[in-house]
Amino acid sequence: MADDTADDAADDTWATTDGPGPPDAATSDDAGDLDDGADPLPRLRSSRPASSPRRREATALDGWSLREPYRAQVSWERKYTRLVIGADLAAGALAAGVAYLLRFGDVGVFDLAPTQLRPYLLVSAVFPVVWVLTMALNRTYEGRFLGGGSEEFRRVVNAAVRLIAVVAVGSYTTKFEVARAYVLIVFPLATLLTLISRVAARWLLHRMRRVGRCQHRVLVVGAGESAASLVRLARRDPSAGWNVVGVCLDRAPGRHSHDGLARAGFDLLGIPIVGTSEALPEAIRLTDATTVAISPQLDGERLRRALWALEGSNVDVLVSSAVTDVTGPRIHLRPVAGLPLLHIEEPELTGARRLMKGLLDRGVALIALTLLAPLLLGLALAVRLTSRGPAIFRQTRVGRGGREFTMFKFRSMFIDAEARLAELAAQNEREDEFMFKIRNDPRITRAGGFLRKWSLDEVPQLFNVLNGSMSLVGPRPPLPREVAKYADDVHRRLMVKPGLTGLWQVSGRSDLPTDEAVRLDLRYVENWSLAMDLMILWKTVFAVIKREGAY
């Protein structure tokens, strides 16, 4: 698939985001000038009207008025939306068919049956269309929700609940008798199948993005450091689909001018600087951008001009918040004197949600330990038979509030591992002193290598979850010597229970640098929710299967 990336950019199916190209370009290949390292100046000089500086400034600020209007084209997004709609239609049809067979066929046995089956045949035939229309009315097909985040799934569930409410109210007001078993089957099943199909579609989209397809062409606008942060953010997660094609600075570096574009050899983290925010329309034409990401340092006047210039261009405009790693329900828009301000709530670390999290943790841990008891006994026997020492390794870790506890793991090293640590210290593959990791650690036993490869050495931590010292999801449980070196803000990791898994687990584990692991842990503390926990547990399954960072 990766070998076909260059050819797929030109075809009409699942292609890399392709803008329409500037109307005055000589060929359709000009959209790749930046990628090929070609100088875009000839193209700009041919399209820029020769006039006074004031005339050129008016051209830039007026947007597209002096030339054919620019319209961003995102062909892959339309195809992906059609795929999702088709999957929802199939989910509705399958749910309706199964519900009809279980309720009125010979598959299920019910005490009561309606005298007329024809209305339910009609309902089963119409239900898929009604289901898709309900999803559309709840805006589940909008591009900003598809392919990333939990908002897409939340809207699917909300749409299903609203449709159930409409059916219930309609049945009550019209006195129409509805087969309750049919309703209790069709709606939950349709919701479940729709969520599964959305997950499968998202998996396909992320796989495409990892090989450079189905991406948004992003133009970053802002000051040097804030623009660099957005570029790093785009590179951090390829599944986000951000292909940064250019940078517009808020002021001119070197030979750049505010009213014109010149590359002049400047770049930011390898991304070409294509101008300044005053010449944003020309920069968008140059890069064929479909999305503009604006840093929070851009002043209000320039931001307003940029928004005016982009009206009608079909270019998505995203403005970064100065408050990083705070997302989800903690952020709300709050108008004050006509000015929209961000209202940021405190992280909810106590109360009903924490109680529900505790009940979920202990309930899942109890069920898992009961079901996995034979596996636990088999793994313990394997550890004992392949090396001397106990099967369970106990280690002191630091939990919520700085309280120390004993963490349980299957022993994966020889019993003299700690004594041999000093002689291996020089081989540490980590760039920091907080953790010691080498890929081929000679202290690991034969059984331990297998346990670590599949993360089975972590399973006994379910006992820690059961006794309340750990949670299913949370920050990585640190050692006391690590906590002693924490900076003040890093102590926020200890505001919640450490987890058997977490954002660090599903983002690379041992391959992550320490500062990135800390950032992910702090992000979890700031934004945790039951929905996030369920998402991380789901991703943990695939992280274990891929075995990335497991050594």
Protein backbone atom coordinates (compact mmCIF):
# COMPACT_ATOMS: atom_id res chain seq x y z
CA MET A 1 0.00 0.00 0.00
CA ALA A 2 2.82 2.39 0.87
CA ASP A 3 4.46 1.78 -2.52
CA ASP A 4 1.39 3.06 -4.30
CA THR A 5 1.19 6.34 -2.41
CA ALA A 6 2.68 8.51 -5.13
CA ASP A 7 0.37 7.12 -7.80
CA ASP A 8 -2.71 7.21 -5.62
CA ALA A 9 -2.37 10.97 -5.12
CA ALA A 10 -3.53 11.46 -8.71
CA ASP A 11 -6.33 8.93 -8.91
CA ASP A 12 -9.94 9.54 -8.01
CA THR A 13 -10.37 7.03 -5.22
CA TRP A 14 -9.12 7.57 -1.69
CA ALA A 15 -6.56 10.09 -2.93
CA THR A 16 -4.49 12.43 -0.84
CA THR A 17 -6.36 15.68 -0.32
CA ASP A 18 -6.09 17.58 -3.54
CA GLY A 19 -6.97 21.22 -3.79
CA PRO A 20 -8.22 22.48 -7.13
CA GLY A 21 -4.98 24.30 -7.83
CA PRO A 22 -4.79 27.97 -8.63
CA PRO A 23 -6.83 29.00 -11.64
CA ASP A 24 -3.87 30.74 -13.21
CA ALA A 25 -1.42 27.88 -12.80
CA ALA A 26 0.21 26.55 -15.93
CA THR A 27 -0.27 22.87 -15.10
CA SER A 28 -2.04 20.75 -12.54
CA ASP A 29 1.36 19.62 -11.21
CA ASP A 30 2.04 22.98 -9.61
CA ALA A 31 0.33 21.83 -6.41
CA GLY A 32 3.39 19.70 -5.73
CA ASP A 33 5.97 22.47 -6.16
CA LEU A 34 6.65 22.73 -2.44
CA ASP A 35 7.02 18.98 -2.05
CA ASP A 36 9.48 18.85 -4.95
CA GLY A 37 11.51 21.71 -3.56
CA ALA A 38 10.74 23.98 -6.51
CA ASP A 39 10.73 27.72 -6.00
CA PRO A 40 7.13 29.02 -6.10
CA LEU A 41 8.19 32.56 -7.00
CA PRO A 42 7.60 32.31 -10.80
CA ARG A 43 4.04 31.17 -10.22
CA LEU A 44 3.41 33.97 -7.73
CA ARG A 45 4.92 36.66 -9.89
CA SER A 46 2.79 35.64 -12.84
CA SER A 47 -0.39 35.74 -10.77
CA ARG A 48 0.30 38.84 -8.65
CA PRO A 49 -0.99 42.03 -10.27
CA ALA A 50 1.70 44.68 -10.84
CA SER A 51 0.57 47.63 -8.83
CA SER A 52 1.43 49.90 -5.92
CA PRO A 53 2.01 48.50 -2.42
CA ARG A 54 -1.38 49.79 -1.32
CA ARG A 55 -3.03 48.09 -4.29
CA ARG A 56 -1.26 44.81 -3.50
CA GLU A 57 -2.35 45.04 0.15
CA ALA A 58 -5.94 45.54 -0.92
CA THR A 59 -5.63 42.49 -3.18
CA ALA A 60 -4.44 40.35 -0.28
CA LEU A 61 -7.03 41.56 2.22
CA ASP A 62 -9.96 41.44 -0.14
CA GLY A 63 -9.39 37.73 -0.61
CA TRP A 64 -10.49 36.41 -3.96
CA SER A 65 -12.32 39.41 -5.42
CA LEU A 66 -9.79 40.15 -8.18
CA ARG A 67 -9.48 36.56 -9.37
CA GLU A 68 -11.57 33.47 -9.77
CA PRO A 69 -12.74 32.38 -6.26
CA TYR A 70 -10.66 29.67 -4.61
CA ARG A 71 -12.59 26.59 -3.51
CA ALA A 72 -10.89 23.91 -1.47
CA GLN A 73 -11.60 20.42 -2.75
CA VAL A 74 -11.50 17.45 -0.36
CA SER A 75 -12.56 14.57 -2.56
CA TRP A 76 -11.58 11.82 -0.11
CA GLU A 77 -13.81 13.33 2.59
CA ARG A 78 -16.90 13.02 0.38
CA LYS A 79 -16.06 9.41 -0.38
CA TYR A 80 -15.48 8.64 3.28
CA THR A 81 -18.82 10.23 4.19
CA ARG A 82 -20.57 8.11 1.58
CA LEU A 83 -18.87 5.03 3.02
CA VAL A 84 -20.10 5.88 6.53
CA ILE A 85 -23.64 6.55 5.27
CA GLY A 86 -23.65 3.23 3.45
CA ALA A 87 -22.43 1.45 6.59
CA ASP A 88 -25.17 3.11 8.67
CA LEU A 89 -27.76 2.09 6.09
CA ALA A 90 -26.53 -1.51 6.24
CA ALA A 91 -26.55 -1.43 10.07
CA GLY A 92 -30.16 -0.23 10.09
CA ALA A 93 -31.22 -2.86 7.56
CA LEU A 94 -29.49 -5.68 9.44
CA ALA A 95 -30.94 -4.57 12.78
CA ALA A 96 -34.45 -4.33 11.34
CA GLY A 97 -34.15 -7.76 9.72
CA VAL A 98 -32.86 -9.42 12.86
CA ALA A 99 -35.52 -7.75 15.01
CA TYR A 100 -38.29 -8.92 12.67
CA LEU A 101 -37.01 -12.49 12.58
CA LEU A 102 -36.56 -12.70 16.33
CA ARG A 103 -39.95 -11.18 17.13
CA PHE A 104 -42.20 -12.51 14.40
CA GLY A 105 -40.27 -15.43 12.94
CA ASP A 106 -39.58 -18.84 14.30
CA VAL A 107 -36.20 -17.87 15.77
CA GLY A 108 -37.56 -16.28 18.95
CA VAL A 109 -40.46 -17.47 21.09
CA PHE A 110 -42.80 -14.82 22.52
CA ASP A 111 -46.11 -15.18 24.30
CA LEU A 112 -47.88 -12.49 22.29
CA ALA A 113 -47.84 -11.78 18.57
CA PRO A 114 -49.55 -8.95 16.66
CA THR A 115 -52.42 -9.86 14.43
CA GLN A 116 -51.01 -7.84 11.52
CA LEU A 117 -47.46 -8.43 10.36
CA ARG A 118 -47.60 -6.24 7.26
CA PRO A 119 -47.04 -2.96 9.19
CA TYR A 120 -43.86 -4.37 10.70
CA LEU A 121 -42.63 -5.49 7.29
CA LEU A 122 -43.12 -1.92 6.13
CA VAL A 123 -41.41 -0.54 9.24
CA SER A 124 -38.47 -2.90 8.71
CA ALA A 125 -38.14 -1.73 5.11
CA VAL A 126 -38.31 1.96 5.99
CA PHE A 127 -36.26 1.80 9.20
CA PRO A 128 -32.79 1.94 7.52
CA VAL A 129 -33.71 5.18 5.72
CA VAL A 130 -35.18 6.68 8.90
CA TRP A 131 -32.06 5.63 10.77
CA VAL A 132 -29.73 7.40 8.32
CA LEU A 133 -31.95 10.52 8.30
CA THR A 134 -31.84 10.58 12.10
CA MET A 135 -28.06 10.39 12.02
CA ALA A 136 -27.96 13.21 9.47
CA LEU A 137 -30.29 15.43 11.52
CA ASN A 138 -28.00 14.94 14.52
CA ARG A 139 -25.05 16.00 12.34
CA THR A 140 -23.09 12.78 12.68
CA TYR A 141 -21.87 13.09 9.07
CA GLU A 142 -20.15 16.44 9.46
CA GLY A 143 -16.49 16.30 8.49
CA ARG A 144 -15.30 17.87 11.72
CA PHE A 145 -16.67 14.89 13.70
CA LEU A 146 -15.73 12.04 11.38
CA GLY A 147 -12.51 10.16 11.90
CA GLY A 148 -11.35 11.54 15.24
CA GLY A 149 -12.39 12.06 18.85
CA SER A 150 -15.32 10.70 20.82
CA GLU A 151 -17.84 13.32 19.68
CA GLU A 152 -18.81 11.21 16.65
CA PHE A 153 -19.80 8.25 18.85
CA ARG A 154 -21.58 10.50 21.35
CA ARG A 155 -23.71 11.96 18.58
CA VAL A 156 -24.59 8.47 17.30
CA VAL A 157 -25.84 7.45 20.76
CA ASN A 158 -27.73 10.74 21.17
CA ALA A 159 -29.39 10.28 17.79
CA ALA A 160 -30.54 6.78 18.75
CA VAL A 161 -31.94 7.99 22.10
CA ARG A 162 -33.84 10.82 20.42
CA LEU A 163 -35.35 8.49 17.84
CA ILE A 164 -36.47 6.12 20.60
CA ALA A 165 -38.04 9.06 22.42
CA VAL A 166 -39.90 10.15 19.27
CA VAL A 167 -41.25 6.61 18.72
CA ALA A 168 -42.31 6.33 22.38
CA VAL A 169 -44.10 9.69 22.40
CA GLY A 170 -45.71 9.02 19.01
CA SER A 171 -46.96 5.62 20.13
CA TYR A 172 -48.41 7.09 23.32
CA THR A 173 -50.14 10.04 21.68
CA THR A 174 -51.61 8.05 18.76
CA LYS A 175 -52.52 5.01 20.91
CA PHE A 176 -50.69 2.84 18.38
CA GLU A 177 -49.67 -0.49 19.89
CA VAL A 178 -46.03 -1.24 19.16
CA ALA A 179 -44.46 -4.65 19.63
CA ARG A 180 -42.14 -3.88 22.52
CA ALA A 181 -39.82 -6.79 21.84
CA TYR A 182 -39.27 -5.50 18.28
CA VAL A 183 -38.39 -2.02 19.56
CA LEU A 184 -36.13 -3.39 22.31
CA ILE A 185 -34.18 -5.33 19.69
CA VAL A 186 -34.00 -2.99 16.71
CA PHE A 187 -32.76 0.19 18.40
CA PRO A 188 -29.96 -1.22 20.59
CA LEU A 189 -28.80 -3.50 17.79
CA ALA A 190 -28.80 -0.68 15.22
CA THR A 191 -26.85 1.52 17.63
CA LEU A 192 -24.30 -1.21 18.34
CA LEU A 193 -23.82 -2.07 14.66
CA THR A 194 -23.48 1.61 13.77
CA LEU A 195 -20.81 2.16 16.41
CA ILE A 196 -18.93 -0.93 15.23
CA SER A 197 -19.08 0.23 11.61
CA ARG A 198 -17.84 3.70 12.61
CA VAL A 199 -14.90 2.13 14.44
CA ALA A 200 -14.08 -0.01 11.40
CA ALA A 201 -14.33 2.99 9.06
CA ARG A 202 -12.09 5.02 11.36
CA TRP A 203 -9.54 2.20 11.45
CA LEU A 204 -9.49 2.19 7.64
CA LEU A 205 -9.12 5.98 7.53
CA HIS A 206 -6.24 5.98 10.02
CA ARG A 207 -4.51 3.23 8.09
CA MET A 208 -4.78 5.32 4.92
CA ARG A 209 -3.41 8.36 6.72
CA ARG A 210 -0.39 6.50 8.04
CA VAL A 211 0.71 5.93 4.43
CA GLY A 212 0.14 9.55 3.45
CA ARG A 213 -3.37 9.43 2.00
CA CYS A 214 -6.71 10.95 3.01
CA GLN A 215 -5.08 13.99 4.58
CA HIS A 216 -5.94 17.63 5.06
CA ARG A 217 -3.48 20.09 3.54
CA VAL A 218 -2.86 22.42 6.46
CA LEU A 219 -1.45 25.94 6.37
CA VAL A 220 -0.19 27.05 9.80
CA VAL A 221 -0.48 30.72 10.69
CA GLY A 222 1.14 32.33 13.73
CA ALA A 223 4.25 33.46 15.53
CA GLY A 224 7.43 31.39 15.35
CA GLU A 225 7.19 29.25 18.49
CA SER A 226 3.40 28.88 18.46
CA ALA A 227 3.50 27.92 14.78
CA ALA A 228 6.25 25.40 15.55
CA SER A 229 4.05 23.88 18.26
CA LEU A 230 1.25 23.30 15.75
CA VAL A 231 3.71 21.69 13.32
CA ARG A 232 4.96 19.35 16.07
CA LEU A 233 1.36 18.54 16.99
CA ALA A 234 0.61 17.53 13.41
CA ARG A 235 3.67 15.29 13.27
CA ARG A 236 2.97 13.68 16.64
CA ASP A 237 -0.16 11.85 15.48
CA PRO A 238 -0.26 10.79 11.80
CA SER A 239 -3.80 9.46 12.27
CA ALA A 240 -5.02 13.05 12.66
CA GLY A 241 -4.49 13.50 8.93
CA TRP A 242 -2.67 16.84 9.11
CA ASN A 243 -0.22 17.36 6.26
CA VAL A 244 1.36 20.76 6.97
CA VAL A 245 2.20 22.25 3.58
CA GLY A 246 3.29 25.73 4.61
CA VAL A 247 3.70 28.30 7.37
CA CYS A 248 2.56 31.92 7.42
CA LEU A 249 4.26 33.98 10.11
CA ASP A 250 2.73 36.98 11.80
CA ARG A 251 5.74 39.07 10.77
CA ALA A 252 8.28 38.88 7.99
CA PRO A 253 11.54 36.99 8.56
CA GLY A 254 14.53 38.32 6.63
CA ARG A 255 13.54 39.32 3.10
CA HIS A 256 9.83 38.59 3.52
CA SER A 257 7.45 41.50 3.07
CA HIS A 258 3.98 41.87 4.54
CA ASP A 259 2.32 42.42 1.17
CA GLY A 260 3.96 39.77 -0.92
CA LEU A 261 5.33 36.23 -0.84
CA ALA A 262 8.87 35.04 -1.23
CA ARG A 263 10.30 31.76 -0.04
CA ALA A 264 13.88 33.03 0.14
CA GLY A 265 15.10 29.74 1.63
CA PHE A 266 13.30 30.13 4.96
CA ASP A 267 11.58 27.20 6.64
CA LEU A 268 10.23 26.16 10.04
CA LEU A 269 11.06 22.62 11.15
CA GLY A 270 11.44 21.73 7.48
CA ILE A 271 8.10 23.28 6.48
CA PRO A 272 8.49 26.13 3.94
CA ILE A 273 7.54 29.62 5.08
CA VAL A 274 5.29 30.89 2.30
CA GLY A 275 4.56 34.38 3.56
CA THR A 276 2.87 36.28 6.34
CA SER A 277 -0.66 36.52 7.67
CA GLU A 278 -1.19 39.71 5.61
CA ALA A 279 -0.87 37.67 2.42
CA LEU A 280 -2.91 34.66 3.57
CA PRO A 281 -5.09 34.29 0.42
CA GLU A 282 -2.04 34.05 -1.84
CA ALA A 283 -0.41 31.57 0.54
CA ILE A 284 -3.51 29.37 0.41
CA ARG A 285 -3.49 29.42 -3.38
CA LEU A 286 0.21 28.61 -3.39
CA THR A 287 -0.15 25.58 -1.11
CA ASP A 288 -3.65 24.46 -2.20
CA ALA A 289 -4.52 24.33 1.50
CA THR A 290 -7.83 22.92 2.67
CA THR A 291 -7.37 23.85 6.35
CA VAL A 292 -5.88 26.89 8.06
CA ALA A 293 -4.62 26.39 11.63
CA ILE A 294 -4.14 29.70 13.46
CA SER A 295 -2.12 30.02 16.66
CA PRO A 296 -3.60 31.97 19.59
CA GLN A 297 -0.92 34.68 19.39
CA LEU A 298 -2.43 36.19 16.23
CA ASP A 299 -4.06 39.49 17.21
CA GLY A 300 -7.81 39.99 16.83
CA GLU A 301 -7.62 42.42 13.91
CA ARG A 302 -5.51 40.09 11.76
CA LEU A 303 -7.65 37.11 12.74
CA ARG A 304 -10.80 38.96 11.69
CA ARG A 305 -9.25 39.90 8.34
CA ALA A 306 -8.16 36.29 7.81
CA LEU A 307 -11.69 35.03 8.45
CA TRP A 308 -13.14 37.60 6.02
CA ALA A 309 -10.65 36.60 3.36
CA LEU A 310 -11.56 32.91 3.71
CA GLU A 311 -15.33 33.33 3.44
CA GLY A 312 -16.77 31.15 0.68
CA SER A 313 -13.50 29.31 0.06
CA ASN A 314 -14.57 26.04 1.75
CA VAL A 315 -11.34 26.21 3.78
CA ASP A 316 -11.69 25.02 7.38
CA VAL A 317 -10.39 27.51 9.93
CA LEU A 318 -9.11 26.17 13.25
CA VAL A 319 -7.90 28.50 16.01
CA SER A 320 -5.61 26.94 18.59
CA SER A 321 -6.27 27.59 22.25
CA ALA A 322 -3.48 28.96 24.41
CA VAL A 323 -4.53 26.43 27.07
CA THR A 324 -2.99 23.14 25.96
CA ASP A 325 -4.04 19.59 26.90
CA VAL A 326 -7.42 20.75 28.23
CA THR A 327 -10.25 19.32 26.13
CA GLY A 328 -13.71 17.86 26.25
CA PRO A 329 -16.46 18.89 28.66
CA ARG A 330 -14.17 21.16 30.69
CA ILE A 331 -14.17 23.83 27.97
CA HIS A 332 -17.24 25.95 27.19
CA LEU A 333 -17.82 29.19 25.33
CA ARG A 334 -19.04 31.93 27.65
CA PRO A 335 -20.06 35.26 26.06
CA VAL A 336 -19.11 38.32 28.13
CA ALA A 337 -20.02 41.79 26.81
CA GLY A 338 -20.29 40.34 23.32
CA LEU A 339 -16.86 38.70 23.51
CA PRO A 340 -16.75 34.86 23.38
CA LEU A 341 -14.48 33.67 26.18
CA LEU A 342 -13.39 30.16 27.07
CA HIS A 343 -14.75 28.97 30.40
CA ILE A 344 -12.49 26.23 31.77
CA GLU A 345 -13.87 24.11 34.59
CA GLU A 346 -11.71 22.46 37.22
CA PRO A 347 -10.92 18.77 36.65
CA GLU A 348 -13.55 16.63 38.37
CA LEU A 349 -11.53 14.38 40.69
CA THR A 350 -14.22 13.75 43.33
CA GLY A 351 -17.93 13.12 43.51
CA ALA A 352 -20.24 10.78 41.63
CA ARG A 353 -18.00 10.21 38.65
CA ARG A 354 -15.13 9.09 40.85
CA LEU A 355 -17.50 6.71 42.67
CA MET A 356 -18.69 5.28 39.36
CA LYS A 357 -15.09 4.87 38.21
CA GLY A 358 -14.27 2.96 41.40
CA LEU A 359 -17.26 0.66 41.01
CA LEU A 360 -16.39 0.02 37.37
CA ASP A 361 -12.74 -0.72 38.23
CA ARG A 362 -13.48 -3.21 40.98
CA GLY A 363 -16.35 -4.87 39.12
CA VAL A 364 -14.28 -5.44 35.98
CA ALA A 365 -11.27 -6.57 38.03
CA LEU A 366 -13.35 -9.13 39.94
CA ILE A 367 -14.90 -10.54 36.76
CA ALA A 368 -11.55 -10.61 34.95
CA LEU A 369 -9.76 -12.39 37.81
CA THR A 370 -12.53 -14.98 37.99
CA LEU A 371 -12.39 -15.69 34.25
CA LEU A 372 -8.60 -15.57 34.03
CA ALA A 373 -7.91 -17.73 37.09
CA PRO A 374 -6.74 -20.79 35.04
CA LEU A 375 -4.47 -18.54 32.94
CA LEU A 376 -2.99 -16.94 36.04
CA LEU A 377 -2.21 -20.34 37.54
CA GLY A 378 -0.62 -21.52 34.28
CA LEU A 379 1.56 -18.42 33.96
CA ALA A 380 2.64 -18.62 37.59
CA LEU A 381 3.67 -22.26 37.07
CA ALA A 382 5.65 -21.31 33.94
CA VAL A 383 7.55 -18.61 35.83
CA ARG A 384 8.45 -20.99 38.67
CA LEU A 385 9.58 -23.81 36.35
CA THR A 386 11.86 -21.65 34.16
CA SER A 387 13.81 -19.80 36.88
CA ARG A 388 14.42 -19.74 40.61
CA GLY A 389 12.35 -17.42 42.76
CA PRO A 390 8.72 -16.53 43.43
CA ALA A 391 6.19 -16.24 40.64
CA ILE A 392 4.89 -12.87 41.83
CA PHE A 393 7.19 -9.85 41.91
CA ARG A 394 6.32 -7.20 44.50
CA GLN A 395 7.51 -3.65 44.16
CA THR A 396 6.80 -0.42 46.02
CA ARG A 397 5.13 2.21 43.85
CA VAL A 398 3.56 5.60 44.58
CA GLY A 399 -0.20 6.00 44.22
CA ARG A 400 -2.81 8.72 44.59
CA GLY A 401 -1.90 11.45 47.01
CA GLY A 402 1.73 10.25 47.23
CA ARG A 403 0.80 7.15 49.24
CA GLU A 404 3.04 4.16 48.64
CA PHE A 405 1.60 0.70 47.89
CA THR A 406 2.83 -2.72 46.85
CA MET A 407 2.30 -3.46 43.17
CA PHE A 408 2.05 -7.06 41.94
CA LYS A 409 3.47 -8.39 38.67
CA PHE A 410 4.57 -11.73 37.35
CA ARG A 411 8.33 -11.96 37.81
CA SER A 412 9.95 -11.56 34.40
CA MET A 413 13.62 -11.21 35.55
CA PHE A 414 16.10 -13.29 37.49
CA ILE A 415 16.06 -12.73 41.23
CA ASP A 416 19.43 -10.88 41.14
CA ALA A 417 18.16 -8.30 38.63
CA GLU A 418 18.47 -5.33 40.98
CA ALA A 419 22.05 -6.27 41.93
CA ARG A 420 23.05 -6.40 38.24
CA LEU A 421 21.47 -3.03 37.41
CA ALA A 422 24.67 -1.06 38.11
CA GLU A 423 26.75 -3.03 35.59
CA LEU A 424 24.15 -2.40 32.86
CA ALA A 425 23.52 1.28 33.61
CA ALA A 426 25.75 2.42 30.73
CA GLN A 427 23.54 0.53 28.23
CA ASN A 428 20.38 2.41 29.16
CA GLU A 429 18.53 3.28 25.94
CA ARG A 430 16.58 6.05 27.62
CA GLU A 431 17.88 9.60 27.38
CA ASP A 432 16.79 10.37 30.92
CA GLU A 433 17.56 8.95 34.34
CA PHE A 434 13.97 8.29 35.42
CA MET A 435 13.70 4.87 33.81
CA PHE A 436 16.04 2.07 32.76
CA LYS A 437 15.16 0.23 29.54
CA ILE A 438 17.17 -1.84 27.08
CA ARG A 439 15.60 -4.00 24.40
CA ASN A 440 17.67 -7.14 25.00
CA ASP A 441 17.99 -7.04 28.77
CA PRO A 442 20.06 -10.08 29.87
CA ARG A 443 18.27 -10.11 33.22
CA ILE A 444 14.96 -11.18 31.60
CA THR A 445 14.11 -14.87 31.87
CA ARG A 446 12.86 -17.00 29.02
CA ALA A 447 9.31 -17.00 30.37
CA GLY A 448 9.66 -13.30 31.22
CA GLY A 449 10.39 -12.42 27.61
CA PHE A 450 7.12 -14.04 26.55
CA LEU A 451 5.19 -12.37 29.37
CA ARG A 452 6.54 -8.92 28.48
CA LYS A 453 5.96 -9.41 24.78
CA TRP A 454 2.23 -9.88 25.37
CA SER A 455 2.00 -7.68 28.51
CA LEU A 456 0.91 -10.69 30.55
CA ASP A 457 3.28 -9.74 33.37
CA GLU A 458 0.88 -6.87 34.16
CA VAL A 459 -2.19 -9.09 34.73
CA PRO A 460 -1.65 -9.53 38.52
CA GLN A 461 -2.15 -5.77 38.85
CA LEU A 462 -5.86 -6.62 38.71
CA PHE A 463 -5.42 -7.48 42.40
CA ASN A 464 -4.22 -3.90 42.95
CA VAL A 465 -7.32 -2.66 41.13
CA LEU A 466 -9.49 -4.89 43.29
CA ASN A 467 -7.97 -3.62 46.56
CA GLY A 468 -8.32 0.01 45.42
CA SER A 469 -4.64 0.98 45.18
CA MET A 470 -4.80 1.17 41.37
CA SER A 471 -7.35 1.82 38.66
CA LEU A 472 -7.91 0.14 35.32
CA VAL A 473 -6.95 3.39 33.56
CA GLY A 474 -4.65 6.08 34.89
CA PRO A 475 -1.09 7.43 34.87
CA ARG A 476 1.86 5.04 34.98
CA PRO A 477 2.61 3.98 38.59
CA PRO A 478 5.97 5.63 39.42
CA LEU A 479 8.76 4.42 41.66
CA PRO A 480 9.57 6.43 44.83
CA ARG A 481 12.95 7.44 43.37
CA GLU A 482 11.18 8.86 40.31
CA VAL A 483 8.75 10.88 42.43
CA ALA A 484 11.68 12.32 44.39
CA LYS A 485 12.92 13.93 41.15
CA TYR A 486 9.53 15.30 40.06
CA ALA A 487 9.17 18.99 39.29
CA ASP A 488 6.29 20.74 41.02
CA ASP A 489 3.81 20.43 38.14
CA VAL A 490 4.61 16.74 37.56
CA HIS A 491 3.19 15.95 41.01
CA ARG A 492 -0.26 16.42 39.41
CA ARG A 493 0.15 12.85 38.15
CA LEU A 494 -0.50 11.75 41.74
CA MET A 495 -3.93 13.40 41.92
CA VAL A 496 -5.58 10.21 40.59
CA LYS A 497 -4.88 6.50 41.05
CA PRO A 498 -2.24 4.99 38.77
CA GLY A 499 -3.57 2.70 36.10
CA LEU A 500 -3.00 -0.76 34.74
CA THR A 501 -3.17 0.98 31.35
CA GLY A 502 -3.37 4.58 30.22
CA LEU A 503 -2.60 7.06 27.49
CA TRP A 504 1.08 6.13 27.81
CA GLN A 505 0.19 2.47 27.19
CA VAL A 506 -1.69 3.11 23.96
CA SER A 507 0.80 5.71 22.65
CA GLY A 508 4.06 3.79 22.54
CA ARG A 509 4.85 2.66 26.10
CA SER A 510 8.62 2.20 26.52
CA ASP A 511 9.32 3.87 23.18
CA LEU A 512 8.00 7.19 24.53
CA PRO A 513 10.47 9.75 25.91
CA THR A 514 9.85 10.62 29.53
CA ASP A 515 8.63 14.15 28.84
CA GLU A 516 6.04 12.81 26.40
CA ALA A 517 4.89 10.16 28.89
CA VAL A 518 4.55 12.85 31.55
CA ARG A 519 2.58 15.07 29.16
CA LEU A 520 0.17 12.22 28.39
CA ASP A 521 -0.30 11.42 32.08
CA LEU A 522 -1.01 15.07 32.90
CA ARG A 523 -3.42 15.25 29.98
CA TYR A 524 -5.30 12.29 31.39
CA VAL A 525 -5.51 13.89 34.84
CA GLU A 526 -6.84 17.12 33.33
CA ASN A 527 -9.49 15.50 31.13
CA TRP A 528 -10.37 12.08 32.53
CA SER A 529 -13.87 10.74 32.10
CA LEU A 530 -15.57 7.37 31.97
CA ALA A 531 -15.87 7.70 28.18
CA MET A 532 -12.11 8.31 27.93
CA ASP A 533 -11.45 5.28 30.14
CA LEU A 534 -13.54 3.04 27.90
CA MET A 535 -11.78 4.40 24.81
CA ILE A 536 -8.34 3.74 26.33
CA LEU A 537 -9.35 0.21 27.35
CA TRP A 538 -10.49 -0.43 23.77
CA LYS A 539 -7.21 0.89 22.35
CA THR A 540 -5.21 -1.14 24.86
CA VAL A 541 -6.39 -4.35 23.18
CA PHE A 542 -4.83 -3.28 19.88
CA ALA A 543 -1.69 -1.91 21.58
CA VAL A 544 -1.12 -5.34 23.17
CA ILE A 545 -1.68 -7.10 19.84
CA LYS A 546 0.79 -4.80 18.06
CA ARG A 547 3.34 -5.25 20.89
CA GLU A 548 4.77 -1.76 20.29
CA GLY A 549 7.13 -0.67 23.07
CA ALA A 550 6.71 -3.99 24.92
CA TYR A 551 10.20 -4.98 26.14
